Amino acid sequence: MANKVSGEYFKNCEIDVEDMTITEFKRDGTRTYRLLDVLKRWSGLPEVNLSIERVVEIPPENEG
């Protein structure tokens, strides 16, 4: 069976719960989105998968 995937992806961003925003940090500046607006677009839809992850670089044990 074929699948259709829909999504919204925010990379290198910060979530601010106090003002309910998502701010993306891009090379050419920042972009800010309202968190509630993003959630409303998905509200009531069945079979939604939600994922939040953070990627942090781990320095090597031995340098050089």
N, C-alpha and C. Protein backbone atom coordinates (compact mmCIF):
# COMPACT_ATOMS: atom_id res chain seq x y z
N MET A 1 0.84 -1.17 0.00
CA MET A 1 0.00 0.00 0.00
C MET A 1 0.89 1.25 0.00
N ALA A 2 0.52 2.23 -0.73
CA ALA A 2 1.27 3.48 -0.79
C ALA A 2 0.97 4.34 0.44
N ASN A 3 1.93 5.19 0.80
CA ASN A 3 1.76 6.11 1.92
C ASN A 3 1.97 7.53 1.45
N LYS A 4 1.26 8.44 2.04
CA LYS A 4 1.49 9.87 1.83
C LYS A 4 1.96 10.43 3.15
N VAL A 5 3.07 11.15 3.15
CA VAL A 5 3.63 11.71 4.37
C VAL A 5 3.49 13.22 4.32
N SER A 6 2.91 13.79 5.36
CA SER A 6 2.81 15.23 5.51
C SER A 6 3.55 15.61 6.77
N GLY A 7 4.18 16.78 6.79
CA GLY A 7 4.91 17.15 7.99
C GLY A 7 5.35 18.59 7.99
N GLU A 8 5.78 19.01 9.13
CA GLU A 8 6.40 20.31 9.33
C GLU A 8 7.67 20.07 10.12
N TYR A 9 8.76 20.62 9.65
CA TYR A 9 10.05 20.37 10.29
C TYR A 9 10.72 21.70 10.60
N PHE A 10 11.16 21.85 11.82
CA PHE A 10 11.87 23.05 12.25
C PHE A 10 13.25 22.60 12.69
N LYS A 11 14.29 23.09 12.02
CA LYS A 11 15.66 22.69 12.35
C LYS A 11 16.37 23.82 13.07
N ASN A 12 17.29 23.44 13.94
CA ASN A 12 18.08 24.40 14.70
C ASN A 12 17.16 25.46 15.31
N CYS A 13 16.21 25.01 16.10
CA CYS A 13 15.21 25.93 16.63
C CYS A 13 15.19 25.90 18.15
N GLU A 14 14.49 26.87 18.69
CA GLU A 14 14.28 26.98 20.14
C GLU A 14 12.79 27.13 20.39
N ILE A 15 12.27 26.35 21.33
CA ILE A 15 10.86 26.45 21.71
C ILE A 15 10.78 27.31 22.96
N ASP A 16 9.96 28.33 22.92
CA ASP A 16 9.76 29.21 24.07
C ASP A 16 8.31 29.06 24.53
N VAL A 17 8.11 28.35 25.64
CA VAL A 17 6.77 28.08 26.13
C VAL A 17 6.15 29.34 26.73
N GLU A 18 6.98 30.24 27.24
CA GLU A 18 6.45 31.47 27.83
C GLU A 18 5.68 32.30 26.82
N ASP A 19 6.25 32.49 25.62
CA ASP A 19 5.53 33.26 24.60
C ASP A 19 4.96 32.37 23.49
N MET A 20 5.05 31.03 23.69
CA MET A 20 4.46 30.04 22.78
C MET A 20 4.94 30.22 21.34
N THR A 21 6.27 30.28 21.18
CA THR A 21 6.84 30.42 19.84
C THR A 21 7.90 29.36 19.57
N ILE A 22 8.15 29.15 18.29
CA ILE A 22 9.26 28.34 17.81
C ILE A 22 10.11 29.28 16.97
N THR A 23 11.38 29.42 17.32
CA THR A 23 12.28 30.28 16.56
C THR A 23 13.35 29.42 15.91
N GLU A 24 13.43 29.51 14.59
CA GLU A 24 14.46 28.81 13.81
C GLU A 24 15.62 29.76 13.58
N PHE A 25 16.82 29.26 13.77
CA PHE A 25 18.02 30.06 13.55
C PHE A 25 18.67 29.60 12.26
N LYS A 26 18.61 30.47 11.24
CA LYS A 26 19.15 30.17 9.91
C LYS A 26 20.38 31.03 9.66
N ARG A 27 21.13 30.68 8.64
CA ARG A 27 22.30 31.47 8.27
C ARG A 27 21.93 32.90 7.89
N ASP A 28 20.77 33.05 7.27
CA ASP A 28 20.35 34.37 6.80
C ASP A 28 19.45 35.10 7.79
N GLY A 29 19.34 34.61 9.03
CA GLY A 29 18.53 35.27 10.04
C GLY A 29 17.67 34.28 10.80
N THR A 30 16.68 34.79 11.49
CA THR A 30 15.79 33.94 12.28
C THR A 30 14.38 34.01 11.73
N ARG A 31 13.64 32.96 11.99
CA ARG A 31 12.22 32.90 11.63
C ARG A 31 11.46 32.43 12.85
N THR A 32 10.37 33.12 13.18
CA THR A 32 9.59 32.78 14.37
C THR A 32 8.18 32.38 13.97
N TYR A 33 7.71 31.30 14.57
CA TYR A 33 6.38 30.76 14.31
C TYR A 33 5.63 30.64 15.63
N ARG A 34 4.32 30.77 15.58
CA ARG A 34 3.50 30.59 16.79
C ARG A 34 3.24 29.10 16.99
N LEU A 35 3.64 28.61 18.14
CA LEU A 35 3.50 27.20 18.46
C LEU A 35 2.04 26.75 18.39
N LEU A 36 1.15 27.55 18.91
CA LEU A 36 -0.27 27.18 18.90
C LEU A 36 -0.80 27.06 17.48
N ASP A 37 -0.37 27.92 16.57
CA ASP A 37 -0.80 27.83 15.17
C ASP A 37 -0.34 26.52 14.53
N VAL A 38 0.89 26.12 14.85
CA VAL A 38 1.42 24.85 14.32
C VAL A 38 0.58 23.69 14.85
N LEU A 39 0.30 23.68 16.14
CA LEU A 39 -0.48 22.59 16.74
C LEU A 39 -1.91 22.56 16.22
N LYS A 40 -2.50 23.72 15.99
CA LYS A 40 -3.88 23.79 15.49
C LYS A 40 -4.00 23.15 14.10
N ARG A 41 -2.96 23.27 13.28
CA ARG A 41 -3.01 22.68 11.94
C ARG A 41 -3.13 21.16 12.01
N TRP A 42 -2.69 20.57 13.11
CA TRP A 42 -2.71 19.11 13.26
C TRP A 42 -3.81 18.63 14.21
N SER A 43 -4.50 19.55 14.83
CA SER A 43 -5.52 19.22 15.82
C SER A 43 -6.66 18.41 15.20
N GLY A 44 -7.00 17.32 15.83
CA GLY A 44 -8.12 16.50 15.40
C GLY A 44 -7.82 15.50 14.30
N LEU A 45 -6.60 15.54 13.76
CA LEU A 45 -6.24 14.58 12.70
C LEU A 45 -5.84 13.24 13.34
N PRO A 46 -6.32 12.14 12.79
CA PRO A 46 -5.96 10.83 13.35
C PRO A 46 -4.56 10.41 12.91
N GLU A 47 -3.97 9.51 13.65
CA GLU A 47 -2.72 8.85 13.32
C GLU A 47 -1.54 9.80 13.14
N VAL A 48 -1.47 10.82 13.98
CA VAL A 48 -0.36 11.78 13.94
C VAL A 48 0.78 11.25 14.80
N ASN A 49 2.00 11.33 14.30
CA ASN A 49 3.19 11.00 15.07
C ASN A 49 3.87 12.31 15.44
N LEU A 50 4.25 12.46 16.69
CA LEU A 50 4.89 13.68 17.16
C LEU A 50 6.25 13.32 17.72
N SER A 51 7.27 14.07 17.32
CA SER A 51 8.63 13.77 17.73
C SER A 51 9.38 15.07 17.97
N ILE A 52 10.13 15.13 19.06
CA ILE A 52 11.02 16.26 19.34
C ILE A 52 12.37 15.66 19.67
N GLU A 53 13.42 16.17 19.04
CA GLU A 53 14.75 15.64 19.32
C GLU A 53 15.75 16.78 19.40
N ARG A 54 16.84 16.53 20.07
CA ARG A 54 17.92 17.49 20.19
C ARG A 54 19.21 16.77 19.84
N VAL A 55 19.99 17.35 18.95
CA VAL A 55 21.26 16.77 18.54
C VAL A 55 22.37 17.65 19.08
N VAL A 56 23.25 17.06 19.89
CA VAL A 56 24.38 17.77 20.48
C VAL A 56 25.66 17.04 20.09
N GLU A 57 26.62 17.79 19.58
CA GLU A 57 27.88 17.19 19.19
C GLU A 57 28.66 16.74 20.42
N ILE A 58 29.20 15.54 20.34
CA ILE A 58 29.99 14.99 21.44
C ILE A 58 31.46 15.06 21.03
N PRO A 59 32.30 15.73 21.84
CA PRO A 59 33.70 15.83 21.48
C PRO A 59 34.41 14.48 21.61
N PRO A 60 35.41 14.21 20.76
CA PRO A 60 36.14 12.95 20.85
C PRO A 60 36.96 12.89 22.14
N GLU A 61 37.24 11.67 22.59
CA GLU A 61 38.04 11.49 23.81
C GLU A 61 39.47 11.93 23.62
N ASN A 62 40.05 11.57 22.48
CA ASN A 62 41.44 11.94 22.20
C ASN A 62 41.48 12.83 20.96
N GLU A 63 41.97 14.03 21.14
CA GLU A 63 42.11 14.93 20.00
C GLU A 63 43.55 14.89 19.55
N GLY A 64 43.75 14.82 18.25
CA GLY A 64 45.08 14.93 17.69
C GLY A 64 45.73 13.64 17.49
